[in-house]
């Protein structure tokens, strides 16, 4: 009899523990992240740009300080890319994409996509300061 009462008591404790109300888990807020591909660069004022070779063109995407995508705030610029063991091309112009969200170059960047990159982003007005970057691609 003692054996039965112990097992009854044990099962009752387990059942009561299961009924106990636990605070509901809060859904985790997903923080925006910068792309995992390409090279992410901090901008001087605030925000980020992501530079990636997609197909045979450079694509620059813009992000605010919270890493949320934003429209390109520069009308264009130039990209110069220097291969280590190959004939180098003249700088490629950057222009807004059709949707205005990104800056892109013409399709002329041939593989292998390993080079030193120099970018100058022009301001909207002549008195706006240019932004310039240089880095190794891929990072």
Protein backbone atom coordinates (compact mmCIF):
# COMPACT_ATOMS: atom_id res chain seq x y z
CA UNK A 1 0.00 0.00 0.00
CA UNK A 2 2.82 2.38 0.81
CA UNK A 3 4.23 1.80 -2.67
CA UNK A 4 0.94 2.80 -4.33
CA UNK A 5 0.53 5.94 -2.28
CA UNK A 6 4.07 7.08 -3.10
CA UNK A 7 3.55 6.61 -6.83
CA UNK A 8 0.16 8.36 -6.59
CA UNK A 9 1.78 11.25 -4.74
CA UNK A 10 4.60 11.42 -7.28
CA UNK A 11 2.21 11.45 -10.27
CA UNK A 12 0.07 14.09 -8.55
CA UNK A 13 3.15 16.33 -8.08
CA UNK A 14 4.13 15.88 -11.72
CA UNK A 15 0.60 16.73 -12.87
CA UNK A 16 0.42 19.81 -10.68
CA UNK A 17 3.81 20.94 -11.96
CA UNK A 18 2.56 20.61 -15.54
CA UNK A 19 -0.53 22.68 -14.74
CA UNK A 20 1.50 25.45 -13.21
CA UNK A 21 1.32 28.43 -15.50
CA UNK A 22 4.67 29.42 -16.95
CA UNK A 23 5.04 32.86 -18.48
CA UNK A 24 4.62 32.60 -22.22
CA UNK A 25 7.85 32.94 -24.15
CA UNK A 26 8.01 36.26 -25.95
CA UNK A 27 8.65 36.03 -29.66
CA UNK A 28 12.16 37.22 -30.35
CA UNK A 29 12.40 40.44 -32.27
CA UNK A 30 14.47 39.94 -35.37
CA UNK A 31 16.93 42.74 -35.80
CA UNK A 32 17.77 43.70 -39.36
CA UNK A 33 21.14 42.42 -40.53
CA UNK A 34 23.46 43.46 -43.29
CA UNK A 35 23.84 41.03 -46.20
CA UNK A 36 26.16 38.08 -45.65
CA UNK A 37 27.46 38.36 -49.24
CA UNK A 38 29.64 41.09 -50.68
CA UNK A 39 31.46 43.68 -48.58
CA UNK A 40 29.68 45.84 -45.99
CA UNK A 41 31.15 49.29 -45.40
CA UNK A 42 30.23 51.89 -42.77
CA UNK A 43 29.39 55.28 -44.25
CA UNK A 44 30.99 58.43 -42.81
CA UNK A 45 27.76 60.20 -41.77
CA UNK A 46 25.75 57.13 -40.76
CA UNK A 47 24.46 53.95 -42.28
CA UNK A 48 26.07 51.31 -44.45
CA UNK A 49 26.62 50.29 -48.04
CA UNK A 50 26.95 46.75 -49.32
CA UNK A 51 29.10 46.24 -52.40
CA UNK A 52 28.56 43.03 -54.29
CA UNK A 53 29.37 41.70 -57.75
CA UNK A 54 26.14 40.23 -59.13
CA UNK A 55 26.51 38.59 -62.50
CA UNK A 56 29.04 40.85 -64.20
CA UNK A 57 28.24 44.16 -62.52
CA UNK A 58 28.86 45.93 -59.24
CA UNK A 59 25.71 46.51 -57.17
CA UNK A 60 25.75 48.95 -54.24
CA UNK A 61 22.89 48.63 -51.74
CA UNK A 62 22.25 51.25 -49.07
CA UNK A 63 21.23 50.73 -45.42
CA UNK A 64 20.41 53.10 -42.59
CA UNK A 65 22.05 53.07 -39.14
CA UNK A 66 19.63 50.35 -37.97
CA UNK A 67 20.69 48.21 -40.97
CA UNK A 68 17.35 48.52 -42.75
CA UNK A 69 17.45 48.85 -46.57
CA UNK A 70 16.97 52.38 -47.92
CA UNK A 71 16.98 53.98 -51.35
CA UNK A 72 20.28 55.19 -52.78
CA UNK A 73 20.90 58.75 -51.60
CA UNK A 74 23.64 59.41 -54.14
CA UNK A 75 22.94 59.90 -57.85
CA UNK A 76 26.00 57.97 -58.98
CA UNK A 77 29.76 57.72 -58.95
CA UNK A 78 32.56 55.58 -60.34
CA UNK A 79 34.11 52.23 -59.50
CA UNK A 80 37.67 51.35 -60.39
CA UNK A 81 38.70 47.74 -59.85
CA UNK A 82 42.26 46.53 -60.16
CA UNK A 83 43.05 42.88 -60.89
CA UNK A 84 46.33 41.60 -59.52
CA UNK A 85 47.46 39.69 -62.60
CA UNK A 86 45.38 41.00 -65.46
CA UNK A 87 44.86 43.98 -67.70
CA UNK A 88 42.83 46.56 -65.83
CA UNK A 89 39.82 48.33 -67.30
CA UNK A 90 38.99 52.04 -67.02
CA UNK A 91 36.66 53.04 -64.18
CA UNK A 92 33.03 51.96 -64.51
CA UNK A 93 30.24 54.49 -63.98
CA UNK A 94 27.70 53.93 -61.21
CA UNK A 95 24.09 54.91 -61.91
CA UNK A 96 20.79 54.39 -60.12
CA UNK A 97 19.00 51.15 -60.85
CA UNK A 98 15.56 51.24 -62.48
CA UNK A 99 13.84 51.09 -59.09
CA UNK A 100 16.16 53.79 -57.64
CA UNK A 101 17.13 51.65 -54.65
CA UNK A 102 20.68 50.74 -55.71
CA UNK A 103 23.62 51.96 -57.74
CA UNK A 104 24.87 49.62 -60.47
CA UNK A 105 27.61 49.49 -63.11
CA UNK A 106 27.26 48.26 -66.68
CA UNK A 107 27.76 44.52 -67.08
CA UNK A 108 31.48 44.33 -67.74
CA UNK A 109 33.14 42.88 -64.64
CA UNK A 110 34.62 39.56 -65.73
CA UNK A 111 35.61 36.73 -63.37
CA UNK A 112 37.59 36.04 -61.37
CA UNK A 113 36.00 38.55 -59.02
CA UNK A 114 39.12 39.12 -56.93
CA UNK A 115 40.52 42.63 -57.04
CA UNK A 116 41.15 45.89 -55.22
CA UNK A 117 38.15 48.24 -55.45
CA UNK A 118 38.08 52.04 -55.39
CA UNK A 119 34.68 53.76 -55.23
CA UNK A 120 33.76 57.44 -55.33
CA UNK A 121 30.11 58.36 -54.73
CA UNK A 122 29.10 61.80 -55.99
CA UNK A 123 26.84 64.15 -54.07
CA UNK A 124 23.48 65.41 -55.34
CA UNK A 125 24.77 69.00 -55.55
CA UNK A 126 28.24 70.23 -56.47
CA UNK A 127 28.83 71.49 -52.91
CA UNK A 128 28.07 68.02 -51.40
CA UNK A 129 31.17 66.12 -50.34
CA UNK A 130 32.04 62.95 -52.23
CA UNK A 131 32.28 59.64 -50.37
CA UNK A 132 35.24 57.43 -51.22
CA UNK A 133 36.06 53.84 -50.29
CA UNK A 134 38.79 51.37 -51.11
CA UNK A 135 38.93 47.72 -50.11
CA UNK A 136 39.79 44.23 -51.29
CA UNK A 137 37.01 42.19 -52.90
CA UNK A 138 35.93 39.77 -51.66
CA UNK A 139 36.53 41.00 -48.14
